[in-house]
Amino acid sequence: MNSTTLRRTGLSIAVAAALTGLAACGSGGSGGSSDKAGGADDKGGIKVSPIAALRTVEKSTDKADTARVSGTTSMGAQATMDMKGVMGWSDGITGEVTVSFTGGAQAEQMKQLGQSTLDYRYLKNGFYAHMGDAFAAKAGGGKHWIEYDYDTLAEMSGAAGEAFQDQMQNTTPNQSVKMLLASGDVKRVGEEDVRGTKATHYSGKVDVADFTAKGTDLDEDQLGELRKQFDQAGISTETIDIWVNDDDLLVKKIEKADTKNGPFTQTAYYSDYGTPLSVEKPPASDTLSFKDLVAKQQPAS
């Protein structure tokens, strides 16, 4: 496998890591949304606006610290994947998640590495992907884990990498709630059942590039590059639907967007908030950094 293919595959693995049910297409704060969104929520006999209700959900979910997550993601012809695991967000994103690549070009790339399933470990400053025995023998120098340091990813990916780093270090399950708060057109759809739990359904649309820019430290040139990258990907708006239980906790989300590579859809379920979580860093003797991996494949000059 040459360095270009390995780099492309490696970056695809990084993107998959971001799509574990926590991260949305954008990142950042809740913005300056107005309380004038249409509709109202019935809470204890008191009419509550969707915006006010979602601000409560944002706070409740943020305080929960951990949750089990499961779901599916599809990105046109690029990839379809399933994921499940436990994630935490009390001090940056931590967790252990298994991602199964079920279709698309990315699944074919993974077959070349002898893998259809990856185990991810998330720590504060980066994450790790367990690549299996075939990778270790073929490209990993006997090592099974690839380390993705957030600073290195940002360095290798430009403005999109900067935004990715911010997203991975700061995103929580309530990121979808924050995006709806920023949308300005959030509405309460109604009461529905989610896996046996009564939940309230909210929906709205978000300008992805503008929202992403709100929560990053990028300068004007970097923001311009980021918007250009969104334009090249064909991403402009994202539709977000969330379902919230009676404890004001997110139990389901669906995100949808059109891209030049086809439709993006992600469905995620959250449960067991507060579940115990302890994540160990893989042993250094069995770990290779993504940057060093790519450098190893460069032809000698």
Protein backbone atom coordinates (compact mmCIF):
# COMPACT_ATOMS: atom_id res chain seq x y z
CA MET A 1 0.00 0.00 0.00
CA ASN A 2 1.61 3.29 -1.09
CA SER A 3 1.78 6.43 1.03
CA THR A 4 -1.04 8.22 -0.82
CA THR A 5 -3.44 5.32 -0.35
CA LEU A 6 -2.35 4.83 3.24
CA ARG A 7 -2.78 8.53 4.02
CA ARG A 8 -6.25 8.54 2.42
CA THR A 9 -7.26 5.41 4.30
CA GLY A 10 -5.81 6.77 7.53
CA LEU A 11 -7.72 10.02 7.23
CA SER A 12 -10.89 8.04 6.49
CA ILE A 13 -10.32 6.17 9.74
CA ALA A 14 -10.01 9.54 11.49
CA VAL A 15 -13.29 10.74 9.97
CA ALA A 16 -14.97 7.53 11.10
CA ALA A 17 -13.73 8.24 14.62
CA ALA A 18 -15.57 11.55 14.54
CA LEU A 19 -18.80 9.85 13.50
CA THR A 20 -19.40 7.83 16.66
CA GLY A 21 -22.69 9.45 17.60
CA LEU A 22 -21.18 12.36 19.52
CA ALA A 23 -19.80 14.53 16.78
CA ALA A 24 -21.94 16.54 14.41
CA CYS A 25 -20.83 18.00 11.07
CA GLY A 26 -20.13 21.24 12.90
CA SER A 27 -18.76 22.17 16.30
CA GLY A 28 -18.94 25.08 18.66
CA GLY A 29 -21.21 26.95 21.05
CA SER A 30 -24.95 27.35 21.07
CA GLY A 31 -24.94 30.72 19.34
CA GLY A 32 -27.37 33.54 19.82
CA SER A 33 -30.67 31.88 19.05
CA SER A 34 -33.88 33.68 19.92
CA ASP A 35 -36.66 32.35 22.17
CA LYS A 36 -39.15 33.17 19.42
CA ALA A 37 -39.11 29.74 17.80
CA GLY A 38 -42.56 28.46 17.03
CA GLY A 39 -44.55 26.02 19.13
CA ALA A 40 -44.47 25.22 22.83
CA ASP A 41 -43.74 22.31 25.11
CA ASP A 42 -46.03 21.07 27.87
CA LYS A 43 -43.96 20.60 31.04
CA GLY A 44 -45.92 20.05 34.22
CA GLY A 45 -48.86 21.97 32.82
CA ILE A 46 -46.67 24.97 31.98
CA LYS A 47 -46.11 26.03 28.37
CA VAL A 48 -42.38 26.06 27.62
CA SER A 49 -40.91 27.27 24.32
CA PRO A 50 -38.76 24.79 22.35
CA ILE A 51 -35.71 26.98 22.90
CA ALA A 52 -36.22 27.09 26.67
CA ALA A 53 -36.82 23.33 26.76
CA LEU A 54 -33.67 22.63 24.76
CA ARG A 55 -31.54 24.83 27.01
CA THR A 56 -32.62 22.59 29.89
CA VAL A 57 -31.74 19.50 27.82
CA GLU A 58 -28.34 21.02 27.00
CA LYS A 59 -27.53 21.48 30.69
CA SER A 60 -28.88 18.08 31.80
CA THR A 61 -27.00 16.15 29.13
CA ASP A 62 -23.80 18.10 29.75
CA LYS A 63 -23.87 17.17 33.45
CA ALA A 64 -24.42 13.47 32.81
CA ASP A 65 -20.72 12.90 31.94
CA THR A 66 -21.05 9.48 30.24
CA ALA A 67 -23.49 7.44 28.14
CA ARG A 68 -23.78 4.33 26.03
CA VAL A 69 -24.05 5.13 22.34
CA SER A 70 -25.05 3.07 19.33
CA GLY A 71 -26.17 3.82 15.81
CA THR A 72 -25.52 3.91 12.09
CA THR A 73 -23.92 6.35 9.66
CA SER A 74 -24.01 6.48 5.86
CA MET A 75 -22.08 8.86 3.59
CA GLY A 76 -23.27 8.30 0.04
CA ALA A 77 -21.07 5.80 -1.80
CA GLN A 78 -18.17 6.46 0.59
CA ALA A 79 -19.20 4.48 3.64
CA THR A 80 -21.86 2.90 5.77
CA MET A 81 -20.99 1.93 9.32
CA ASP A 82 -22.44 0.75 12.60
CA MET A 83 -21.06 1.79 15.98
CA LYS A 84 -21.54 1.04 19.66
CA GLY A 85 -19.69 1.81 22.86
CA VAL A 86 -19.41 4.13 25.86
CA MET A 87 -18.35 7.77 25.66
CA GLY A 88 -17.51 10.37 28.32
CA TRP A 89 -17.17 14.16 28.11
CA SER A 90 -16.39 15.51 31.59
CA ASP A 91 -12.84 16.55 30.56
CA GLY A 92 -12.58 16.31 26.79
CA ILE A 93 -13.89 13.32 24.87
CA THR A 94 -12.97 9.88 26.22
CA GLY A 95 -14.39 6.48 25.46
CA GLU A 96 -14.26 3.07 23.83
CA VAL A 97 -16.28 2.50 20.65
CA THR A 98 -16.39 -0.30 18.07
CA VAL A 99 -17.10 0.72 14.47
CA SER A 100 -18.09 -1.86 11.84
CA PHE A 101 -17.72 -0.82 8.19
CA THR A 102 -20.65 -2.37 6.36
CA GLY A 103 -20.43 -0.88 2.86
CA GLY A 104 -19.06 1.72 0.48
CA ALA A 105 -15.54 2.62 -0.65
CA GLN A 106 -14.27 2.83 2.92
CA ALA A 107 -15.29 -0.76 3.61
CA GLU A 108 -13.30 -1.78 0.53
CA GLN A 109 -10.28 0.16 1.81
CA MET A 110 -10.54 -1.61 5.13
CA LYS A 111 -10.67 -5.00 3.40
CA GLN A 112 -7.23 -4.21 1.96
CA LEU A 113 -6.03 -3.92 5.54
CA GLY A 114 -7.75 -7.14 6.52
CA GLN A 115 -10.31 -5.40 8.71
CA SER A 116 -14.04 -4.73 8.70
CA THR A 117 -14.25 -3.64 12.34
CA LEU A 118 -12.13 -1.16 14.30
CA ASP A 119 -11.92 -0.61 18.05
CA TYR A 120 -11.35 3.04 18.98
CA ARG A 121 -10.06 4.44 22.27
CA TYR A 122 -10.53 8.15 22.89
CA LEU A 123 -8.36 10.14 25.29
CA LYS A 124 -8.14 13.87 25.93
CA ASN A 125 -5.40 14.69 23.39
CA GLY A 126 -6.06 12.09 20.73
CA PHE A 127 -7.53 8.73 19.87
CA TYR A 128 -6.30 5.26 18.87
CA ALA A 129 -7.55 2.74 16.30
CA HIS A 130 -6.79 -0.99 16.67
CA MET A 131 -6.00 -2.18 13.15
CA GLY A 132 -5.66 -5.94 13.64
CA ASP A 133 -3.02 -8.53 12.84
CA ALA A 134 -2.99 -8.13 9.04
CA PHE A 135 -2.20 -4.42 9.30
CA ALA A 136 0.46 -5.05 11.94
CA ALA A 137 2.19 -7.53 9.64
CA LYS A 138 1.78 -5.52 6.42
CA ALA A 139 2.22 -1.83 7.28
CA GLY A 140 2.41 -1.43 11.04
CA GLY A 141 5.86 -2.82 11.69
CA GLY A 142 4.31 -5.38 14.03
CA LYS A 143 2.23 -2.76 15.85
CA HIS A 144 -1.55 -2.98 16.04
CA TRP A 145 -2.61 0.51 17.17
CA ILE A 146 -2.47 3.78 15.18
CA GLU A 147 -2.25 6.91 17.31
CA TYR A 148 -4.05 10.02 16.06
CA ASP A 149 -2.80 13.02 17.99
CA TYR A 150 -5.20 15.96 17.54
CA ASP A 151 -2.43 18.50 17.05
CA THR A 152 -0.87 16.33 14.34
CA LEU A 153 -4.20 15.84 12.56
CA ALA A 154 -4.78 19.59 12.58
CA GLU A 155 -1.30 20.12 11.13
CA MET A 156 -1.89 17.57 8.35
CA SER A 157 -5.41 18.68 7.42
CA GLY A 158 -5.38 22.50 7.40
CA ALA A 159 -8.46 24.47 8.47
CA ALA A 160 -10.66 21.39 8.38
CA GLY A 161 -8.18 19.74 10.73
CA GLU A 162 -8.34 22.68 13.13
CA ALA A 163 -12.13 22.42 13.23
CA PHE A 164 -11.91 18.63 13.61
CA GLN A 165 -9.55 19.03 16.56
CA ASP A 166 -11.90 21.48 18.25
CA GLN A 167 -14.85 19.18 17.60
CA MET A 168 -13.18 16.07 18.98
CA GLN A 169 -11.91 17.80 22.10
CA ASN A 170 -15.06 19.73 22.97
CA THR A 171 -18.08 17.96 21.53
CA THR A 172 -20.65 16.26 23.80
CA PRO A 173 -23.85 14.36 22.98
CA ASN A 174 -25.73 17.64 23.35
CA GLN A 175 -23.86 19.07 20.35
CA SER A 176 -26.99 18.41 18.30
CA VAL A 177 -28.96 20.33 20.91
CA LYS A 178 -26.54 23.25 20.60
CA MET A 179 -26.87 23.20 16.84
CA LEU A 180 -30.65 23.31 17.09
CA LEU A 181 -30.42 26.24 19.49
CA ALA A 182 -28.27 28.01 16.90
CA SER A 183 -30.62 27.25 14.03
CA GLY A 184 -33.27 29.81 14.92
CA ASP A 185 -36.08 27.69 13.43
CA VAL A 186 -36.30 24.79 15.88
CA LYS A 187 -39.78 23.40 16.38
CA ARG A 188 -41.41 20.83 18.64
CA VAL A 189 -42.74 17.98 16.48
CA GLY A 190 -44.56 15.98 19.16
CA GLU A 191 -44.42 13.00 21.52
CA GLU A 192 -43.04 9.71 20.17
CA ASP A 193 -41.76 6.35 21.40
CA VAL A 194 -38.01 5.66 21.25
CA ARG A 195 -37.14 2.07 22.09
CA GLY A 196 -39.91 1.90 24.66
CA THR A 197 -39.25 5.34 26.15
CA LYS A 198 -41.61 8.30 25.77
CA ALA A 199 -39.70 11.17 24.19
CA THR A 200 -40.31 14.64 22.80
CA HIS A 201 -39.21 15.19 19.19
CA TYR A 202 -37.60 18.49 18.06
CA SER A 203 -36.38 19.42 14.59
CA GLY A 204 -34.51 22.23 12.83
CA LYS A 205 -31.96 23.19 10.14
CA VAL A 206 -28.46 24.59 10.64
CA ASP A 207 -26.01 26.44 8.38
CA VAL A 208 -23.03 24.14 8.92
CA ALA A 209 -20.16 26.45 7.94
CA ASP A 210 -21.45 29.42 9.95
CA PHE A 211 -22.08 27.30 13.00
CA THR A 212 -18.67 25.64 12.82
CA ALA A 213 -16.97 29.03 12.59
CA LYS A 214 -18.66 30.23 15.79
CA GLY A 215 -16.89 27.69 17.96
CA THR A 216 -13.33 27.75 16.60
CA ASP A 217 -10.28 29.95 17.06
CA LEU A 218 -9.56 30.10 13.33
CA ASP A 219 -8.47 33.41 11.82
CA GLU A 220 -10.20 34.92 8.78
CA ASP A 221 -7.93 33.16 6.27
CA GLN A 222 -8.51 29.80 7.96
CA LEU A 223 -12.27 30.41 8.09
CA GLY A 224 -12.22 31.20 4.39
CA GLU A 225 -10.38 27.93 3.71
CA LEU A 226 -12.83 26.02 5.89
CA ARG A 227 -15.86 27.46 4.07
CA LYS A 228 -14.20 26.61 0.77
CA GLN A 229 -13.77 23.02 1.93
CA PHE A 230 -17.43 22.84 2.92
CA ASP A 231 -18.38 24.25 -0.50
CA GLN A 232 -16.19 21.68 -2.26
CA ALA A 233 -17.89 18.95 -0.24
CA GLY A 234 -21.28 20.38 -1.20
CA ILE A 235 -22.34 20.79 2.44
CA SER A 236 -24.39 23.88 3.24
CA THR A 237 -27.18 22.99 5.66
CA GLU A 238 -27.90 20.10 7.97
CA THR A 239 -31.29 18.90 9.21
CA ILE A 240 -31.25 17.74 12.82
CA ASP A 241 -33.94 15.80 14.68
CA ILE A 242 -33.57 14.91 18.35
CA TRP A 243 -35.69 13.03 20.87
CA VAL A 244 -35.56 13.89 24.59
CA ASN A 245 -36.87 11.83 27.52
CA ASP A 246 -38.70 13.03 30.65
CA ASP A 247 -35.36 13.48 32.45
CA ASP A 248 -34.37 16.10 29.84
CA LEU A 249 -31.73 13.78 28.40
CA LEU A 250 -31.08 13.16 24.72
CA VAL A 251 -32.08 9.59 23.74
CA LYS A 252 -31.93 9.76 19.93
CA LYS A 253 -30.72 12.00 17.14
CA ILE A 254 -30.82 11.95 13.36
CA GLU A 255 -28.62 14.27 11.29
CA LYS A 256 -29.00 14.61 7.52
CA ALA A 257 -27.11 16.65 4.91
CA ASP A 258 -26.56 16.59 1.16
CA THR A 259 -22.96 16.35 -0.05
CA LYS A 260 -21.30 16.05 -3.47
CA ASN A 261 -20.58 12.43 -2.64
CA GLY A 262 -24.22 11.71 -1.84
CA PRO A 263 -26.51 12.03 1.18
CA PHE A 264 -25.10 11.94 4.71
CA THR A 265 -27.32 10.40 7.39
CA GLN A 266 -26.49 9.53 10.97
CA THR A 267 -28.79 7.98 13.54
CA ALA A 268 -27.57 7.62 17.14
CA TYR A 269 -29.14 6.34 20.34
CA TYR A 270 -28.03 7.27 23.87
CA SER A 271 -28.74 5.35 27.07
CA ASP A 272 -27.38 4.52 30.53
CA TYR A 273 -26.22 8.05 31.29
CA GLY A 274 -23.63 8.03 34.07
CA THR A 275 -22.40 4.50 33.25
CA PRO A 276 -18.84 3.81 34.55
CA LEU A 277 -16.01 4.47 32.09
CA SER A 278 -12.27 3.88 32.34
CA VAL A 279 -10.08 4.14 29.23
CA GLU A 280 -6.48 2.93 29.11
CA LYS A 281 -3.90 4.23 26.67
CA PRO A 282 -2.65 1.39 24.43
CA PRO A 283 0.90 0.24 25.20
CA ALA A 284 3.56 2.34 23.47
CA SER A 285 5.30 -0.84 22.31
CA ASP A 286 2.22 -1.72 20.23
CA THR A 287 1.46 1.80 18.93
CA LEU A 288 2.52 3.69 15.80
CA SER A 289 1.64 7.35 15.19
CA PHE A 290 -0.29 8.13 12.01
CA LYS A 291 2.32 10.71 11.01
CA ASP A 292 5.15 8.19 11.35
CA LEU A 293 3.09 5.58 9.52
CA VAL A 294 2.69 7.84 6.49
CA ALA A 295 6.37 8.86 6.63
CA LYS A 296 7.44 5.20 6.61
CA GLN A 297 5.67 4.68 3.29
CA GLN A 298 7.42 7.60 1.54
CA PRO A 299 9.94 6.43 -1.08
CA ALA A 300 13.58 7.09 -0.23
CA SER A 301 14.99 10.17 -1.99
